[in-house]
Protein backbone atom coordinates (compact mmCIF):
# COMPACT_ATOMS: atom_id res chain seq x y z
CA VAL A 1 119.08 31.94 -197.50
CA GLY A 2 118.88 28.18 -197.92
CA GLU A 3 118.84 28.12 -201.71
CA PRO A 4 121.69 26.52 -203.69
CA LYS A 5 124.61 28.88 -204.22
CA PRO A 6 124.33 28.96 -208.03
CA MET A 7 120.71 30.08 -207.68
CA MET A 8 121.72 32.79 -205.21
CA TYR A 9 124.42 34.02 -207.60
CA ASP A 10 121.90 34.10 -210.46
CA MET A 11 119.46 36.09 -208.32
CA LEU A 12 122.20 38.55 -207.35
CA GLU A 13 122.94 39.16 -211.02
CA VAL A 14 119.29 40.06 -211.55
CA THR A 15 118.60 42.07 -208.39
CA VAL A 16 121.81 43.96 -207.56
CA PRO A 17 121.77 46.08 -210.76
CA GLU A 18 118.30 47.29 -209.73
CA LEU A 19 119.57 48.65 -206.40
CA PRO A 20 120.75 52.27 -206.03
CA GLU A 21 124.50 52.57 -206.59
CA ASP A 22 124.86 55.22 -203.89
CA LYS A 23 123.49 52.94 -201.15
CA PRO A 24 125.05 49.87 -199.51
CA ARG A 25 124.01 46.57 -201.06
CA TYR A 26 123.42 44.10 -198.24
CA LEU A 27 123.32 40.31 -198.48
CA MET A 28 122.04 38.76 -195.26
CA GLY A 29 123.06 35.35 -193.98
CA VAL A 30 126.07 34.89 -196.25
CA GLY A 31 129.56 34.53 -194.80
CA SER A 32 131.62 31.75 -196.40
CA PRO A 33 134.72 32.79 -198.38
CA ASP A 34 133.26 31.64 -201.71
CA CYS A 35 130.04 33.59 -201.14
CA LEU A 36 131.98 36.72 -200.16
CA TRP A 37 134.07 36.62 -203.34
CA GLU A 38 131.04 35.87 -205.51
CA GLY A 39 128.84 38.44 -203.79
CA VAL A 40 131.40 41.20 -204.22
CA ALA A 41 131.90 40.15 -207.85
CA ARG A 42 128.18 40.79 -208.33
CA GLY A 43 128.13 44.16 -206.56
CA VAL A 44 127.34 43.33 -202.92
CA ASP A 45 128.94 45.67 -200.37
CA LEU A 46 127.83 44.33 -196.99
CA PHE A 47 127.43 40.87 -195.46
CA ASP A 48 126.59 39.45 -192.06
CA CYS A 49 126.31 35.87 -190.96
CA VAL A 50 126.78 33.48 -188.06
CA PHE A 51 128.84 31.20 -190.32
CA PRO A 52 132.33 31.90 -188.85
CA THR A 53 131.22 31.37 -185.26
CA ARG A 54 128.92 28.44 -186.02
CA ILE A 55 131.66 26.43 -187.72
CA ALA A 56 134.10 27.46 -184.98
CA ARG A 57 131.80 26.01 -182.33
CA ASN A 58 131.96 22.73 -184.24
CA GLY A 59 135.77 22.78 -184.37
CA THR A 60 136.31 24.09 -187.90
CA ALA A 61 138.69 26.90 -188.74
CA LEU A 62 139.04 28.85 -191.98
CA THR A 63 142.67 29.06 -193.08
CA SER A 64 144.66 30.24 -196.08
CA GLN A 65 144.98 26.56 -197.04
CA GLY A 66 141.27 25.76 -196.66
CA ARG A 67 139.21 24.52 -193.75
CA VAL A 68 140.87 22.80 -190.81
CA ILE A 69 138.83 20.49 -188.59
CA ILE A 70 140.87 20.96 -185.46
CA ARG A 71 139.30 18.00 -183.63
CA ASP A 72 141.03 15.59 -186.05
CA ALA A 73 143.59 13.29 -184.43
CA ARG A 74 146.30 14.41 -186.86
CA TYR A 75 146.54 17.70 -184.96
CA ALA A 76 147.23 16.09 -181.56
CA ALA A 77 150.98 16.68 -181.90
CA ASP A 78 150.90 19.59 -184.38
CA PHE A 79 152.53 22.47 -182.55
CA GLY A 80 152.29 24.88 -185.47
CA PRO A 81 149.79 27.73 -185.63
CA LEU A 82 146.28 27.20 -186.89
CA ASP A 83 147.23 29.21 -190.00
CA PRO A 84 150.90 30.16 -190.49
CA GLU A 85 149.83 33.13 -192.64
CA CYS A 86 147.46 34.57 -190.02
CA GLY A 87 148.32 37.29 -187.51
CA CYS A 88 145.33 36.87 -185.20
CA PRO A 89 145.84 36.36 -181.45
CA THR A 90 144.83 32.69 -181.76
CA CYS A 91 147.44 31.94 -184.43
CA THR A 92 150.21 33.96 -182.81
CA ARG A 93 149.77 32.44 -179.35
CA PHE A 94 148.32 28.93 -179.60
CA SER A 95 149.11 25.73 -181.50
CA ARG A 96 146.81 23.37 -183.34
CA ALA A 97 147.61 20.73 -180.72
CA TYR A 98 146.55 23.03 -177.88
CA LEU A 99 143.33 24.04 -179.65
CA ARG A 100 142.54 20.38 -180.29
CA HIS A 101 143.17 19.64 -176.61
CA LEU A 102 140.77 22.43 -175.61
CA PHE A 103 138.05 21.03 -177.87
CA LYS A 104 138.57 17.48 -176.62
CA ALA A 105 138.45 18.71 -173.00
CA GLY A 106 135.20 20.59 -173.66
CA GLU A 107 136.75 23.95 -172.80
CA ILE A 108 134.74 26.98 -173.91
CA LEU A 109 138.04 28.72 -174.65
CA ALA A 110 138.34 26.50 -177.74
CA LEU A 111 135.14 27.99 -179.16
CA ARG A 112 136.21 31.53 -178.37
CA LEU A 113 139.70 31.19 -179.85
CA THR A 114 138.47 29.51 -183.02
CA SER A 115 135.64 32.05 -183.40
CA LEU A 116 138.13 34.89 -182.95
CA HIS A 117 140.35 33.35 -185.62
CA ASN A 118 137.51 32.81 -188.12
CA ILE A 119 136.21 36.36 -187.72
CA TYR A 120 139.74 37.73 -188.14
CA PHE A 121 140.24 35.52 -191.21
CA LEU A 122 137.09 36.89 -192.87
CA TYR A 123 137.97 40.46 -191.86
CA LYS A 124 141.37 40.08 -193.54
CA LEU A 125 139.73 38.43 -196.55
CA MET A 126 137.43 41.43 -197.02
CA GLU A 127 140.42 43.74 -196.59
CA ARG A 128 142.20 41.78 -199.34
CA ILE A 129 139.13 42.03 -201.58
CA ARG A 130 138.86 45.81 -201.05
CA THR A 131 142.55 46.28 -201.84
CA ALA A 132 142.23 44.16 -204.98
CA LEU A 133 139.22 46.22 -206.10
CA ARG A 134 141.11 49.50 -205.58
CA GLN A 135 144.09 48.14 -207.54
CA GLY A 136 141.95 46.72 -210.35
CA ARG A 137 143.15 43.18 -209.56
CA PHE A 138 139.97 41.62 -208.20
CA TYR A 139 139.77 38.61 -210.52
CA GLU A 140 143.50 37.86 -210.31
CA GLU A 141 143.36 38.02 -206.51
CA LYS A 142 140.24 35.85 -206.43
CA LYS A 143 141.99 33.23 -208.54
CA ALA A 144 145.10 33.33 -206.32
CA PHE A 145 142.97 32.98 -203.18
CA TRP A 146 141.16 29.92 -204.53
CA ALA A 147 144.40 28.30 -205.69
CA SER A 148 145.69 28.49 -202.12
CA TYR A 149 142.39 27.75 -200.37
CA TYR A 150 141.74 24.64 -202.44
CA ASN A 151 145.45 23.75 -202.73
CA GLU A 152 145.33 23.86 -206.52
């Protein structure tokens, strides 16, 4: 934790092959989408991190189109969902404008709704990764995710 990502990836390539294959391979303190994809690519099975709730408390949401900083003024009149591709309770019930209003008003509900969304987003991401692994399409799916996430 705290080292540059390329160094972490290099260390995973060295250490993960030494771990028993019949036991879970745990990477602590890692929770961003890029680290999840790269960790799984290197054999990691299990992650935990405060990342999704920490960035939510600061007004940042993970979406299929990348990060959204919901406090930005451009969302003041945006009545669309946080992420149109997401089925979480936050995205199905509340608009970007309303979430922005909650943050600006200092309402704790803003933190809860954005945290709920981010956790759901990462849950669905891991579900997508597991499906891609089962179907033998991991690298194709990873490439498709990044094309959307970084709007490439």
